């Protein structure tokens, strides 16, 4: 059975996530966005992802550092989803090998 406090925290996080997504649409509804603002908004999810995973790679483990390099190279050439998949796969494989 799940701890009640854990369930409350999960529901709270889900509520905040949904609220921020809906709030963004509500605030920007009916407005024309500049190309610069559109580019910034499209880059934001990648920035958040990097901010979340970057500290993990500061461990100095060779497998993680190599996976980071592979992921950066993939990110320069591929969209987000294939890049994330390549990063996860390379980290998993390199951790097994090294």
N, C-alpha and C. Protein backbone atom coordinates (compact mmCIF):
# COMPACT_ATOMS: atom_id res chain seq x y z
N UNK A 1 0.83 -1.18 0.00
CA UNK A 1 0.00 0.00 0.00
C UNK A 1 0.88 1.24 0.00
N UNK A 2 0.48 2.22 -0.75
CA UNK A 2 1.26 3.45 -0.85
C UNK A 2 1.01 4.34 0.37
N UNK A 3 2.08 4.97 0.83
CA UNK A 3 2.00 5.88 1.96
C UNK A 3 1.10 7.07 1.60
N UNK A 4 0.18 7.46 2.47
CA UNK A 4 -0.74 8.57 2.15
C UNK A 4 -0.02 9.88 1.82
N UNK A 5 1.06 10.18 2.53
CA UNK A 5 1.79 11.42 2.25
C UNK A 5 2.44 11.37 0.87
N UNK A 6 2.94 10.21 0.48
CA UNK A 6 3.51 10.07 -0.86
C UNK A 6 2.44 10.31 -1.92
N UNK A 7 1.27 9.76 -1.71
CA UNK A 7 0.16 9.95 -2.64
C UNK A 7 -0.24 11.43 -2.72
N UNK A 8 -0.30 12.10 -1.58
CA UNK A 8 -0.64 13.53 -1.57
C UNK A 8 0.41 14.34 -2.33
N UNK A 9 1.67 14.01 -2.15
CA UNK A 9 2.74 14.73 -2.85
C UNK A 9 2.65 14.48 -4.35
N UNK A 10 2.40 13.24 -4.76
CA UNK A 10 2.28 12.93 -6.19
C UNK A 10 1.10 13.69 -6.80
N UNK A 11 -0.02 13.71 -6.12
CA UNK A 11 -1.20 14.43 -6.62
C UNK A 11 -0.90 15.93 -6.68
N UNK A 12 -0.21 16.45 -5.68
CA UNK A 12 0.16 17.87 -5.68
C UNK A 12 1.07 18.22 -6.85
N UNK A 13 2.08 17.38 -7.10
CA UNK A 13 2.98 17.65 -8.22
C UNK A 13 2.25 17.57 -9.56
N UNK A 14 1.35 16.60 -9.69
CA UNK A 14 0.57 16.49 -10.93
C UNK A 14 -0.31 17.71 -11.11
N UNK A 15 -0.91 18.19 -10.04
CA UNK A 15 -1.76 19.38 -10.11
C UNK A 15 -0.96 20.60 -10.54
N UNK A 16 0.21 20.79 -9.96
CA UNK A 16 1.06 21.93 -10.34
C UNK A 16 1.48 21.83 -11.81
N UNK A 17 1.84 20.63 -12.26
CA UNK A 17 2.25 20.45 -13.65
C UNK A 17 1.12 20.79 -14.60
N UNK A 18 -0.07 20.25 -14.36
CA UNK A 18 -1.21 20.51 -15.23
C UNK A 18 -1.60 21.98 -15.18
N UNK A 19 -1.56 22.57 -14.01
CA UNK A 19 -1.91 23.99 -13.87
C UNK A 19 -0.96 24.89 -14.65
N UNK A 20 0.33 24.61 -14.59
CA UNK A 20 1.28 25.45 -15.33
C UNK A 20 1.10 25.28 -16.84
N UNK A 21 0.81 24.08 -17.28
CA UNK A 21 0.59 23.88 -18.72
C UNK A 21 -0.68 24.59 -19.19
N UNK A 22 -1.76 24.43 -18.46
CA UNK A 22 -3.01 25.09 -18.83
C UNK A 22 -2.87 26.60 -18.68
N UNK A 23 -2.18 27.03 -17.63
CA UNK A 23 -1.97 28.47 -17.41
C UNK A 23 -1.21 29.12 -18.55
N UNK A 24 -0.24 28.43 -19.10
CA UNK A 24 0.49 28.97 -20.24
C UNK A 24 -0.41 29.19 -21.44
N UNK A 25 -1.26 28.22 -21.73
CA UNK A 25 -2.19 28.38 -22.84
C UNK A 25 -3.19 29.50 -22.57
N UNK A 26 -3.66 29.59 -21.32
CA UNK A 26 -4.64 30.62 -20.98
C UNK A 26 -4.03 32.02 -21.09
N UNK A 27 -2.79 32.17 -20.65
CA UNK A 27 -2.14 33.49 -20.71
C UNK A 27 -1.80 33.91 -22.14
N UNK A 28 -1.45 32.94 -22.97
CA UNK A 28 -1.00 33.27 -24.33
C UNK A 28 -2.11 33.13 -25.37
N UNK A 29 -3.30 32.79 -24.96
CA UNK A 29 -4.42 32.62 -25.88
C UNK A 29 -4.72 33.93 -26.59
N UNK A 30 -4.84 33.87 -27.88
CA UNK A 30 -5.21 35.05 -28.67
C UNK A 30 -4.07 36.01 -28.93
N UNK A 31 -2.86 35.65 -28.56
CA UNK A 31 -1.71 36.53 -28.79
C UNK A 31 -0.83 35.97 -29.90
N UNK A 32 -0.24 36.87 -30.65
CA UNK A 32 0.72 36.47 -31.67
C UNK A 32 2.11 36.58 -31.07
N UNK A 33 2.85 35.49 -31.10
CA UNK A 33 4.17 35.48 -30.50
C UNK A 33 5.23 35.76 -31.55
N UNK A 34 6.25 36.47 -31.13
CA UNK A 34 7.35 36.78 -32.04
C UNK A 34 8.18 35.52 -32.28
N UNK A 35 8.90 35.49 -33.40
CA UNK A 35 9.75 34.33 -33.66
C UNK A 35 10.78 34.09 -32.56
N UNK A 36 11.28 35.17 -31.97
CA UNK A 36 12.27 35.04 -30.90
C UNK A 36 11.65 34.37 -29.67
N UNK A 37 10.43 34.77 -29.29
CA UNK A 37 9.76 34.17 -28.15
C UNK A 37 9.40 32.71 -28.44
N UNK A 38 8.97 32.41 -29.66
CA UNK A 38 8.68 31.02 -30.02
C UNK A 38 9.92 30.15 -29.90
N UNK A 39 11.06 30.66 -30.37
CA UNK A 39 12.32 29.90 -30.27
C UNK A 39 12.70 29.67 -28.81
N UNK A 40 12.49 30.67 -27.98
CA UNK A 40 12.79 30.53 -26.55
C UNK A 40 11.89 29.48 -25.91
N UNK A 41 10.62 29.51 -26.23
CA UNK A 41 9.68 28.55 -25.65
C UNK A 41 9.95 27.13 -26.14
N UNK A 42 10.40 26.99 -27.37
CA UNK A 42 10.73 25.65 -27.88
C UNK A 42 11.99 25.12 -27.24
N UNK A 43 12.93 25.99 -26.87
CA UNK A 43 14.19 25.56 -26.25
C UNK A 43 14.03 25.28 -24.77
N UNK A 44 13.01 25.81 -24.14
CA UNK A 44 12.85 25.68 -22.69
C UNK A 44 12.81 24.23 -22.20
N UNK A 45 12.06 23.32 -22.83
CA UNK A 45 12.06 21.94 -22.30
C UNK A 45 13.45 21.31 -22.30
N UNK A 46 14.23 21.57 -23.32
CA UNK A 46 15.60 21.06 -23.36
C UNK A 46 16.45 21.63 -22.24
N UNK A 47 16.26 22.90 -21.96
CA UNK A 47 17.01 23.55 -20.88
C UNK A 47 16.64 22.94 -19.53
N UNK A 48 15.38 22.67 -19.33
CA UNK A 48 14.94 22.07 -18.07
C UNK A 48 15.52 20.66 -17.95
N UNK A 49 15.50 19.91 -19.03
CA UNK A 49 16.04 18.56 -19.01
C UNK A 49 17.52 18.58 -18.66
N UNK A 50 18.27 19.49 -19.26
CA UNK A 50 19.69 19.60 -18.97
C UNK A 50 19.92 19.97 -17.51
N UNK A 51 19.13 20.91 -17.00
CA UNK A 51 19.28 21.33 -15.60
C UNK A 51 19.01 20.17 -14.64
N UNK A 52 18.13 19.26 -15.02
CA UNK A 52 17.81 18.13 -14.15
C UNK A 52 18.88 17.06 -14.22
N UNK A 53 19.38 16.75 -15.41
CA UNK A 53 20.31 15.63 -15.53
C UNK A 53 21.78 16.01 -15.43
N UNK A 54 22.12 17.27 -15.64
CA UNK A 54 23.54 17.66 -15.65
C UNK A 54 24.25 17.36 -14.34
N UNK A 55 23.66 17.62 -13.17
CA UNK A 55 24.38 17.30 -11.93
C UNK A 55 24.73 15.81 -11.80
N UNK A 56 23.92 14.97 -12.39
CA UNK A 56 24.18 13.53 -12.33
C UNK A 56 25.50 13.19 -13.03
N UNK A 57 25.82 13.92 -14.09
CA UNK A 57 27.03 13.62 -14.84
C UNK A 57 28.27 14.25 -14.23
N UNK A 58 28.10 15.01 -13.18
CA UNK A 58 29.25 15.62 -12.51
C UNK A 58 29.95 14.63 -11.59
N UNK A 59 29.57 13.38 -11.62
CA UNK A 59 30.17 12.37 -10.75
C UNK A 59 31.58 12.03 -11.16
N UNK A 60 31.90 12.22 -12.42
CA UNK A 60 33.25 11.92 -12.89
C UNK A 60 33.43 10.48 -13.32
N UNK A 61 32.37 9.69 -13.31
CA UNK A 61 32.49 8.31 -13.78
C UNK A 61 32.73 8.30 -15.28
N UNK A 62 33.69 7.53 -15.77
CA UNK A 62 34.00 7.53 -17.20
C UNK A 62 32.81 7.13 -18.07
N UNK A 63 32.01 6.17 -17.63
CA UNK A 63 30.86 5.74 -18.43
C UNK A 63 29.86 6.88 -18.60
N UNK A 64 29.61 7.62 -17.53
CA UNK A 64 28.66 8.73 -17.60
C UNK A 64 29.20 9.87 -18.47
N UNK A 65 30.48 10.13 -18.36
CA UNK A 65 31.07 11.21 -19.17
C UNK A 65 31.03 10.85 -20.66
N UNK A 66 31.32 9.61 -20.99
CA UNK A 66 31.23 9.18 -22.40
C UNK A 66 29.80 9.23 -22.90
N UNK A 67 28.86 8.81 -22.07
CA UNK A 67 27.45 8.88 -22.46
C UNK A 67 27.02 10.33 -22.67
N UNK A 68 27.52 11.23 -21.85
CA UNK A 68 27.20 12.65 -22.01
C UNK A 68 27.73 13.17 -23.34
N UNK A 69 28.93 12.80 -23.70
CA UNK A 69 29.52 13.23 -24.98
C UNK A 69 28.70 12.69 -26.14
N UNK A 70 28.32 11.43 -26.08
CA UNK A 70 27.50 10.82 -27.14
C UNK A 70 26.15 11.53 -27.24
N UNK A 71 25.58 11.85 -26.10
CA UNK A 71 24.28 12.53 -26.09
C UNK A 71 24.37 13.93 -26.67
N UNK A 72 25.43 14.65 -26.34
CA UNK A 72 25.61 16.00 -26.89
C UNK A 72 25.76 15.94 -28.41
N UNK A 73 26.52 14.99 -28.90
CA UNK A 73 26.68 14.85 -30.36
C UNK A 73 25.33 14.52 -31.00
N UNK A 74 24.57 13.63 -30.37
CA UNK A 74 23.25 13.29 -30.90
C UNK A 74 22.32 14.51 -30.88
N UNK A 75 22.41 15.31 -29.82
CA UNK A 75 21.55 16.49 -29.70
C UNK A 75 21.83 17.53 -30.77
N UNK A 76 23.05 17.57 -31.26
CA UNK A 76 23.40 18.52 -32.30
C UNK A 76 22.79 18.14 -33.65
N UNK A 77 22.41 16.87 -33.80
CA UNK A 77 21.96 16.39 -35.10
C UNK A 77 20.53 15.86 -35.13
N UNK A 78 19.98 15.52 -33.97
CA UNK A 78 18.68 14.83 -33.93
C UNK A 78 17.67 15.59 -33.08
N UNK A 79 16.38 15.28 -33.25
CA UNK A 79 15.35 15.86 -32.38
C UNK A 79 15.47 15.33 -30.95
N UNK A 80 14.63 15.86 -30.07
CA UNK A 80 14.71 15.56 -28.63
C UNK A 80 14.51 14.08 -28.30
N UNK A 81 13.45 13.45 -28.81
CA UNK A 81 13.15 12.07 -28.42
C UNK A 81 14.27 11.10 -28.80
N UNK A 82 14.77 11.10 -30.04
CA UNK A 82 15.88 10.19 -30.34
C UNK A 82 17.13 10.50 -29.51
N UNK A 83 17.35 11.77 -29.21
CA UNK A 83 18.50 12.14 -28.40
C UNK A 83 18.39 11.56 -27.00
N UNK A 84 17.22 11.66 -26.39
CA UNK A 84 17.02 11.10 -25.05
C UNK A 84 17.19 9.58 -25.09
N UNK A 85 16.65 8.94 -26.12
CA UNK A 85 16.78 7.49 -26.23
C UNK A 85 18.24 7.07 -26.40
N UNK A 86 18.97 7.79 -27.22
CA UNK A 86 20.40 7.49 -27.42
C UNK A 86 21.17 7.71 -26.13
N UNK A 87 20.85 8.79 -25.43
CA UNK A 87 21.53 9.07 -24.16
C UNK A 87 21.30 7.99 -23.13
N UNK A 88 20.06 7.56 -23.01
CA UNK A 88 19.74 6.51 -22.03
C UNK A 88 20.40 5.19 -22.40
N UNK A 89 20.33 4.85 -23.68
CA UNK A 89 20.92 3.58 -24.11
C UNK A 89 22.43 3.58 -23.97
N UNK A 90 23.06 4.70 -24.35
CA UNK A 90 24.52 4.75 -24.24
C UNK A 90 24.96 4.73 -22.79
N UNK A 91 24.24 5.40 -21.90
CA UNK A 91 24.60 5.36 -20.48
C UNK A 91 24.46 3.95 -19.93
N UNK A 92 23.38 3.28 -20.27
CA UNK A 92 23.16 1.92 -19.77
C UNK A 92 24.24 0.97 -20.27
N UNK A 93 24.54 1.04 -21.56
CA UNK A 93 25.54 0.13 -22.13
C UNK A 93 26.93 0.42 -21.60
N UNK A 94 27.29 1.70 -21.54
CA UNK A 94 28.63 2.04 -21.06
C UNK A 94 28.82 1.72 -19.58
N UNK A 95 27.76 1.82 -18.79
CA UNK A 95 27.88 1.45 -17.37
C UNK A 95 28.11 -0.06 -17.22
N UNK A 96 27.54 -0.84 -18.14
CA UNK A 96 27.76 -2.28 -18.08
C UNK A 96 29.16 -2.66 -18.52
N UNK A 97 29.68 -1.93 -19.52
CA UNK A 97 30.98 -2.26 -20.09
C UNK A 97 32.12 -1.73 -19.22
N UNK A 98 31.99 -0.50 -18.75
CA UNK A 98 33.09 0.11 -18.00
C UNK A 98 32.95 -0.12 -16.53
